[in-house]
Amino acid sequence: MNKTTIKRIGVLTSGGDAPGMNAAIRAVVRSSVYHTIECVGIFRGYEGLIEGDFEALNARSVKNIINRGGTFLKSARSEEFRTKEGRQKAYNNLKKAEIDALVTIGGDGTFNGAIVFNEEFDFPIVGLPGTIDNDINGTDYTIGYDTALNTVVEAIDKIRDTANSHNRLFLVEVMGRDAGDIALNAGIGAGAEEILIPEQDMGRDRLVESLKRSKKSGKSSSIVVVSEGDQIGKNILGLADYIRENLKEYECKVTVLGHIQRGGAPSCYDRVLASRLGVGAVDALLNGERAVMIGIVHNKIVSVNFKESLKGSNKIDEDLIRVADIISI
């Protein structure tokens, strides 16, 4: 399919929301208009695709949304889309609406759905990596990651104020599932004493010994950033209990930042990234590409096969781990 045969592009957001998704939608819509192509918004992700919840969008439909968090197209997880019957309904709705190609914005679940759909119906789909976890292969950064980092650092800065005031040890759990990018980078940025990530198995005893050394070196309070995917204990509350039993010098507190990390206005970086990727998605479709993700590598826009993007998250930066070890003494 080429530029002469693509007359209408659909765009949807799926899975967990991420700051910058609205900026990406805006870029897809306005890039479509620029190329004299109609754009259709699909509400509630693949669920809306099955139910035919479509709305025509134009350049004015997406005004004043670049600064808004979340996604105005809404997002949802669709069990029905996992079935062949559900995907058939979705395909029928696309054909009925005369939509020739699709841009999906989301994470690995979104891309998995796009792969199956493309294979079954040979339908042109291009994906944009929208997830705060930064756990998509083939792109240096995902939409929403930078904003989430800034949110976490701001929260930890506030927590440190009370930690210092009361000589407390705070365990701060951040999102990231199986990827430690948020924990590692936010931990360095916020000056954490220890950072626990799933890519490294520090162990509870080593953590306690490290905190004891910090105490002896004169630190009266400490911040430990814990990625939710870290396997050092059953959960962060169990880890806190273990520390209380073995390190009575500190009063140990737990803060789980949770979904606060998903919200808020996107950072400038995420707005620019989302805009570049959105334009890149339309360019890719007009160039005949399909079943690819549009990412960024060394500040250049790239196309990556969906299956390549799902081969695991980018490996953790070992140099960053070394930096964290050196500056936390």
Protein backbone atom coordinates (compact mmCIF):
# COMPACT_ATOMS: atom_id res chain seq x y z
CA MET A 1 0.00 0.00 0.00
CA ASN A 2 1.36 3.46 -0.85
CA LYS A 3 0.42 7.10 -0.52
CA THR A 4 -2.05 6.93 -3.41
CA THR A 5 -4.05 4.12 -1.78
CA ILE A 6 -4.06 5.33 1.84
CA LYS A 7 -6.99 7.69 2.17
CA ARG A 8 -7.87 7.26 5.85
CA ILE A 9 -5.75 6.40 8.91
CA GLY A 10 -7.08 5.26 12.27
CA VAL A 11 -5.28 6.00 15.54
CA LEU A 12 -5.76 4.42 18.98
CA THR A 13 -4.12 4.20 22.39
CA SER A 14 -4.05 0.91 24.26
CA GLY A 15 -2.84 -0.53 27.56
CA GLY A 16 -1.54 1.68 30.35
CA ASP A 17 -1.68 5.41 29.69
CA ALA A 18 1.53 7.44 29.48
CA PRO A 19 2.17 11.21 29.45
CA GLY A 20 2.73 12.29 25.85
CA MET A 21 0.13 10.02 24.28
CA ASN A 22 -2.02 13.06 23.49
CA ALA A 23 0.95 14.74 21.81
CA ALA A 24 1.45 11.60 19.71
CA ILE A 25 -2.22 11.50 18.68
CA ARG A 26 -2.01 15.18 17.77
CA ALA A 27 1.04 14.56 15.59
CA VAL A 28 -0.60 11.63 13.78
CA VAL A 29 -3.73 13.66 13.09
CA ARG A 30 -1.94 16.77 11.89
CA SER A 31 0.56 14.82 9.83
CA SER A 32 -2.38 13.07 8.16
CA VAL A 33 -4.01 16.41 7.42
CA TYR A 34 -0.71 17.70 6.05
CA HIS A 35 -0.69 14.82 3.56
CA THR A 36 -4.39 15.32 2.72
CA ILE A 37 -5.38 12.09 4.45
CA GLU A 38 -8.39 11.70 6.73
CA CYS A 39 -7.77 10.60 10.31
CA VAL A 40 -10.17 8.69 12.55
CA GLY A 41 -9.82 8.46 16.32
CA ILE A 42 -10.65 5.08 17.85
CA PHE A 43 -11.75 5.29 21.46
CA ARG A 44 -10.80 2.79 24.20
CA GLY A 45 -8.12 0.97 22.22
CA TYR A 46 -8.85 -2.44 20.72
CA GLU A 47 -12.15 -2.56 22.61
CA GLY A 48 -13.34 0.50 20.70
CA LEU A 49 -12.06 -1.10 17.51
CA ILE A 50 -14.36 -4.06 18.11
CA GLU A 51 -17.33 -1.86 19.06
CA GLY A 52 -16.82 0.63 16.23
CA ASP A 53 -16.33 3.57 18.59
CA PHE A 54 -14.86 5.89 15.95
CA GLU A 55 -14.77 9.65 15.47
CA ALA A 56 -13.37 11.67 12.59
CA LEU A 57 -10.56 14.00 13.72
CA ASN A 58 -9.08 17.08 12.13
CA ALA A 59 -6.38 19.60 13.00
CA ARG A 60 -8.72 21.49 15.31
CA SER A 61 -9.94 18.33 17.05
CA VAL A 62 -6.54 17.99 18.69
CA LYS A 63 -5.92 21.58 19.72
CA ASN A 64 -4.79 22.28 23.29
CA ILE A 65 -3.98 18.64 24.09
CA ILE A 66 -0.18 18.59 23.69
CA ASN A 67 0.19 19.67 27.33
CA ARG A 68 -2.33 17.19 28.75
CA GLY A 69 -1.42 13.90 30.40
CA GLY A 70 -3.30 10.67 29.78
CA THR A 71 -5.07 10.09 26.47
CA PHE A 72 -8.23 11.80 25.30
CA LEU A 73 -8.99 8.75 23.15
CA LYS A 74 -9.13 6.74 26.40
CA SER A 75 -7.49 3.36 26.85
CA ALA A 76 -8.68 -0.10 27.80
CA ARG A 77 -7.58 -3.70 27.82
CA SER A 78 -9.67 -5.95 25.57
CA GLU A 79 -10.16 -9.63 26.30
CA GLU A 80 -12.35 -10.01 23.23
CA PHE A 81 -9.54 -8.82 20.96
CA ARG A 82 -7.57 -11.86 22.11
CA THR A 83 -10.11 -14.04 20.27
CA LYS A 84 -10.23 -14.53 16.51
CA GLU A 85 -13.92 -13.61 16.51
CA GLY A 86 -13.15 -10.31 18.25
CA ARG A 87 -10.42 -9.47 15.79
CA GLN A 88 -12.74 -10.29 12.89
CA LYS A 89 -15.25 -7.77 14.27
CA ALA A 90 -12.48 -5.19 14.50
CA TYR A 91 -11.41 -5.82 10.91
CA ASN A 92 -14.99 -5.59 9.68
CA ASN A 93 -15.41 -2.23 11.42
CA LEU A 94 -12.21 -0.89 9.86
CA LYS A 95 -13.33 -1.91 6.39
CA LYS A 96 -16.82 -0.52 6.99
CA ALA A 97 -15.30 2.82 8.04
CA GLU A 98 -12.98 2.67 5.00
CA ILE A 99 -9.90 2.93 7.21
CA ASP A 100 -6.83 1.84 5.24
CA ALA A 101 -4.15 1.81 7.94
CA LEU A 102 -3.77 1.97 11.70
CA VAL A 103 -1.43 3.67 14.20
CA THR A 104 -1.40 2.01 17.62
CA ILE A 105 0.17 3.74 20.61
CA GLY A 106 1.07 1.57 23.60
CA GLY A 107 3.44 -1.05 24.99
CA ASP A 108 4.20 -4.71 24.44
CA GLY A 109 0.58 -5.86 24.83
CA THR A 110 -0.49 -3.36 22.19
CA PHE A 111 2.25 -4.52 19.84
CA ASN A 112 1.44 -8.20 20.37
CA GLY A 113 -2.15 -7.51 19.36
CA ALA A 114 -0.97 -5.57 16.31
CA ILE A 115 1.29 -8.44 15.22
CA VAL A 116 -1.54 -10.99 15.29
CA PHE A 117 -3.96 -8.62 13.57
CA ASN A 118 -1.50 -7.84 10.80
CA GLU A 119 -0.73 -11.52 10.23
CA GLU A 120 -4.41 -12.49 10.07
CA PHE A 121 -5.66 -9.70 7.82
CA ASP A 122 -2.52 -8.28 6.19
CA PHE A 123 -3.61 -4.88 7.50
CA PRO A 124 -1.06 -2.02 7.56
CA ILE A 125 -0.24 -1.16 11.19
CA VAL A 126 2.50 1.03 12.64
CA GLY A 127 3.10 1.29 16.38
CA LEU A 128 4.42 4.01 18.66
CA PRO A 129 6.05 3.01 21.99
CA GLY A 130 3.89 4.62 24.68
CA THR A 131 4.81 3.33 28.15
CA ILE A 132 6.48 4.88 31.18
CA ASP A 133 8.51 1.70 31.78
CA ASN A 134 10.91 2.23 28.84
CA ASP A 135 10.81 -1.55 28.33
CA ILE A 136 10.52 -1.73 24.53
CA ASN A 137 13.47 -2.98 22.49
CA GLY A 138 14.73 -0.98 19.51
CA THR A 139 14.14 2.51 20.87
CA ASP A 140 16.26 4.48 23.31
CA TYR A 141 13.20 6.04 24.94
CA THR A 142 9.47 5.45 25.09
CA ILE A 143 6.77 8.11 25.26
CA GLY A 144 6.06 8.96 28.90
CA TYR A 145 9.31 7.67 30.39
CA ASP A 146 10.97 11.07 30.83
CA THR A 147 7.88 12.55 32.50
CA ALA A 148 7.61 9.61 34.88
CA LEU A 149 11.27 10.04 35.83
CA ASN A 150 10.73 13.70 36.68
CA THR A 151 7.63 12.84 38.71
CA VAL A 152 9.56 10.23 40.70
CA VAL A 153 12.53 12.51 41.37
CA GLU A 154 10.24 15.31 42.54
CA ALA A 155 8.45 12.91 44.91
CA ILE A 156 11.72 11.51 46.31
CA ASP A 157 13.03 15.04 46.88
CA LYS A 158 10.01 15.67 49.10
CA ILE A 159 10.41 12.35 50.90
CA ARG A 160 14.06 13.13 51.62
CA ASP A 161 13.03 16.28 53.48
CA THR A 162 11.08 14.27 56.03
CA ALA A 163 13.69 11.48 56.08
CA ASN A 164 16.34 14.02 57.07
CA SER A 165 14.07 15.61 59.66
CA HIS A 166 13.41 12.33 61.47
CA ASN A 167 16.53 10.22 60.77
CA ARG A 168 14.43 7.74 58.83
CA LEU A 169 15.10 5.13 56.20
CA PHE A 170 12.59 5.30 53.36
CA LEU A 171 11.94 2.51 50.89
CA VAL A 172 10.37 4.08 47.80
CA GLU A 173 8.77 1.70 45.30
CA VAL A 174 8.57 2.88 41.69
CA MET A 175 6.99 1.36 38.60
CA GLY A 176 8.90 -0.54 35.95
CA ARG A 177 7.57 -4.09 36.04
CA ASP A 178 10.55 -6.14 34.74
CA ALA A 179 12.67 -3.12 33.79
CA GLY A 180 14.73 -1.08 36.23
CA ASP A 181 15.16 2.05 34.10
CA ILE A 182 12.94 4.30 36.21
CA ALA A 183 14.46 3.11 39.50
CA LEU A 184 18.07 3.40 38.30
CA ASN A 185 17.82 6.81 36.67
CA ALA A 186 15.51 8.36 39.26
CA GLY A 187 17.64 6.89 42.04
CA ILE A 188 20.76 8.56 40.64
CA GLY A 189 18.90 11.81 40.00
CA ALA A 190 17.46 11.91 43.52
CA GLY A 191 20.68 10.84 45.24
CA ALA A 192 19.42 7.52 46.60
CA GLU A 193 21.73 5.52 48.85
CA GLU A 194 20.69 2.22 47.27
CA ILE A 195 18.79 1.23 44.12
CA LEU A 196 17.16 -2.18 43.74
CA ILE A 197 16.36 -3.29 40.18
CA PRO A 198 15.26 -6.64 38.70
CA GLU A 199 18.34 -6.77 36.45
CA GLN A 200 20.55 -7.13 39.55
CA ASP A 201 19.98 -9.43 42.52
CA MET A 202 21.49 -7.51 45.41
CA GLY A 203 20.05 -9.72 48.15
CA ARG A 204 18.61 -8.64 51.49
CA ASP A 205 21.77 -9.27 53.52
CA ARG A 206 23.96 -7.22 51.17
CA LEU A 207 21.42 -4.39 51.35
CA VAL A 208 21.46 -4.41 55.15
CA GLU A 209 25.28 -4.44 55.22
CA SER A 210 25.39 -1.54 52.78
CA LEU A 211 22.97 0.47 54.92
CA LYS A 212 25.04 -0.29 58.01
CA ARG A 213 28.12 1.09 56.26
CA SER A 214 26.16 4.21 55.32
CA LYS A 215 25.16 4.66 58.95
CA LYS A 216 28.77 4.30 60.13
CA SER A 217 29.94 6.80 57.53
CA GLY A 218 27.74 9.44 59.15
CA LYS A 219 24.51 9.24 57.20
CA SER A 220 21.55 9.86 59.50
CA SER A 221 18.90 9.05 56.91
CA SER A 222 18.72 7.00 53.72
CA ILE A 223 16.57 6.59 50.63
CA VAL A 224 16.34 3.19 48.93
CA VAL A 225 14.61 3.17 45.54
CA VAL A 226 12.99 -0.19 44.75
CA SER A 227 11.72 -1.18 41.31
CA GLU A 228 8.39 -3.00 41.58
CA GLY A 229 9.89 -5.89 39.60
CA ASP A 230 12.80 -6.40 41.99
CA GLN A 231 12.86 -9.88 43.52
CA ILE A 232 14.78 -9.12 46.70
CA GLY A 233 11.68 -9.96 48.75
CA LYS A 234 8.08 -11.03 48.29
CA ASN A 235 7.16 -7.35 48.26
CA ILE A 236 8.42 -4.04 49.57
CA LEU A 237 6.53 -4.43 52.87
CA GLY A 238 8.26 -7.75 53.54
CA LEU A 239 11.59 -6.13 52.75
CA ALA A 240 10.84 -3.33 55.23
CA ASP A 241 10.07 -5.89 57.94
CA TYR A 242 13.38 -7.64 57.29
CA ILE A 243 15.29 -4.37 57.56
CA ARG A 244 13.52 -3.47 60.80
CA GLU A 245 14.57 -6.79 62.27
CA ASN A 246 18.21 -6.45 61.24
CA LEU A 247 18.83 -2.71 61.28
CA LYS A 248 17.29 -1.22 64.37
CA GLU A 249 19.27 2.02 64.04
CA TYR A 250 16.78 3.32 61.48
CA GLU A 251 13.06 3.94 61.63
CA CYS A 252 11.99 2.30 58.35
CA LYS A 253 9.12 3.72 56.31
CA VAL A 254 7.59 2.62 52.98
CA THR A 255 6.22 4.80 50.19
CA VAL A 256 4.66 3.25 47.08
CA LEU A 257 4.38 5.95 44.43
CA GLY A 258 2.00 3.88 42.30
CA HIS A 259 -0.05 5.46 39.54
CA ILE A 260 1.01 9.00 40.39
CA GLN A 261 3.89 8.18 38.04
CA ARG A 262 1.53 7.85 35.07
CA GLY A 263 -0.13 11.23 35.46
CA GLY A 264 0.70 14.86 34.95
CA ALA A 265 1.57 17.10 32.05
CA PRO A 266 4.22 15.56 29.77
CA SER A 267 7.71 17.01 29.90
CA CYS A 268 9.06 19.00 26.97
CA TYR A 269 11.16 16.00 25.97
CA ASP A 270 8.12 13.71 25.84
CA ARG A 271 6.11 16.26 23.86
CA VAL A 272 8.88 16.58 21.26
CA LEU A 273 9.51 12.82 21.17
CA ALA A 274 5.81 12.03 20.73
CA SER A 275 5.52 14.64 17.97
CA ARG A 276 8.50 13.23 16.09
CA LEU A 277 7.29 9.64 16.40
CA GLY A 278 3.74 10.57 15.35
CA VAL A 279 4.99 12.23 12.17
CA GLY A 280 7.30 9.26 11.63
CA ALA A 281 4.37 6.84 11.87
CA VAL A 282 2.46 8.53 9.05
CA ASP A 283 5.64 8.80 6.97
CA ALA A 284 6.23 5.06 7.42
CA LEU A 285 2.72 4.15 6.32
CA LEU A 286 3.02 6.36 3.24
CA ASN A 287 6.32 4.65 2.44
CA GLY A 288 4.59 1.28 2.43
CA GLU A 289 5.88 0.04 5.80
CA ARG A 290 3.73 -2.17 8.02
CA ALA A 291 4.07 -4.18 11.23
CA VAL A 292 6.81 -1.85 12.48
CA MET A 293 7.38 0.32 15.52
CA ILE A 294 8.68 3.84 15.12
CA GLY A 295 11.39 4.52 17.69
CA ILE A 296 14.35 6.76 18.35
CA VAL A 297 17.99 5.63 18.43
CA HIS A 298 20.85 8.12 18.88
CA ASN A 299 18.28 10.89 18.32
CA LYS A 300 17.32 9.53 14.89
CA ILE A 301 13.87 8.19 14.01
CA VAL A 302 13.99 4.49 13.11
CA SER A 303 11.61 1.71 12.05
CA VAL A 304 11.82 -1.58 13.93
CA ASN A 305 9.91 -4.76 13.15
CA PHE A 306 7.25 -5.39 15.81
CA LYS A 307 8.72 -8.78 16.66
CA GLU A 308 12.17 -7.24 17.14
CA SER A 309 10.70 -4.65 19.50
CA LEU A 310 9.32 -7.43 21.70
CA LYS A 311 12.57 -9.36 22.13
CA GLY A 312 13.01 -7.86 25.57
CA SER A 313 13.70 -4.41 26.91
CA ASN A 314 16.91 -2.60 26.18
CA LYS A 315 19.67 -3.90 28.44
CA ILE A 316 20.32 -1.88 31.56
CA ASP A 317 23.20 0.56 31.23
CA GLU A 318 26.08 -0.97 33.19
CA ASP A 319 27.87 2.38 33.27
CA LEU A 320 24.89 3.89 35.08
CA ILE A 321 25.06 1.11 37.68
CA ARG A 322 28.74 1.94 38.22
CA VAL A 323 27.90 5.64 38.54
CA ALA A 324 25.22 4.84 41.13
CA ASP A 325 27.67 2.73 43.15
CA ILE A 326 30.36 5.44 43.14
CA ILE A 327 28.26 8.46 44.04
CA SER A 328 26.19 6.78 46.76
CA ILE A 329 29.10 6.27 49.19
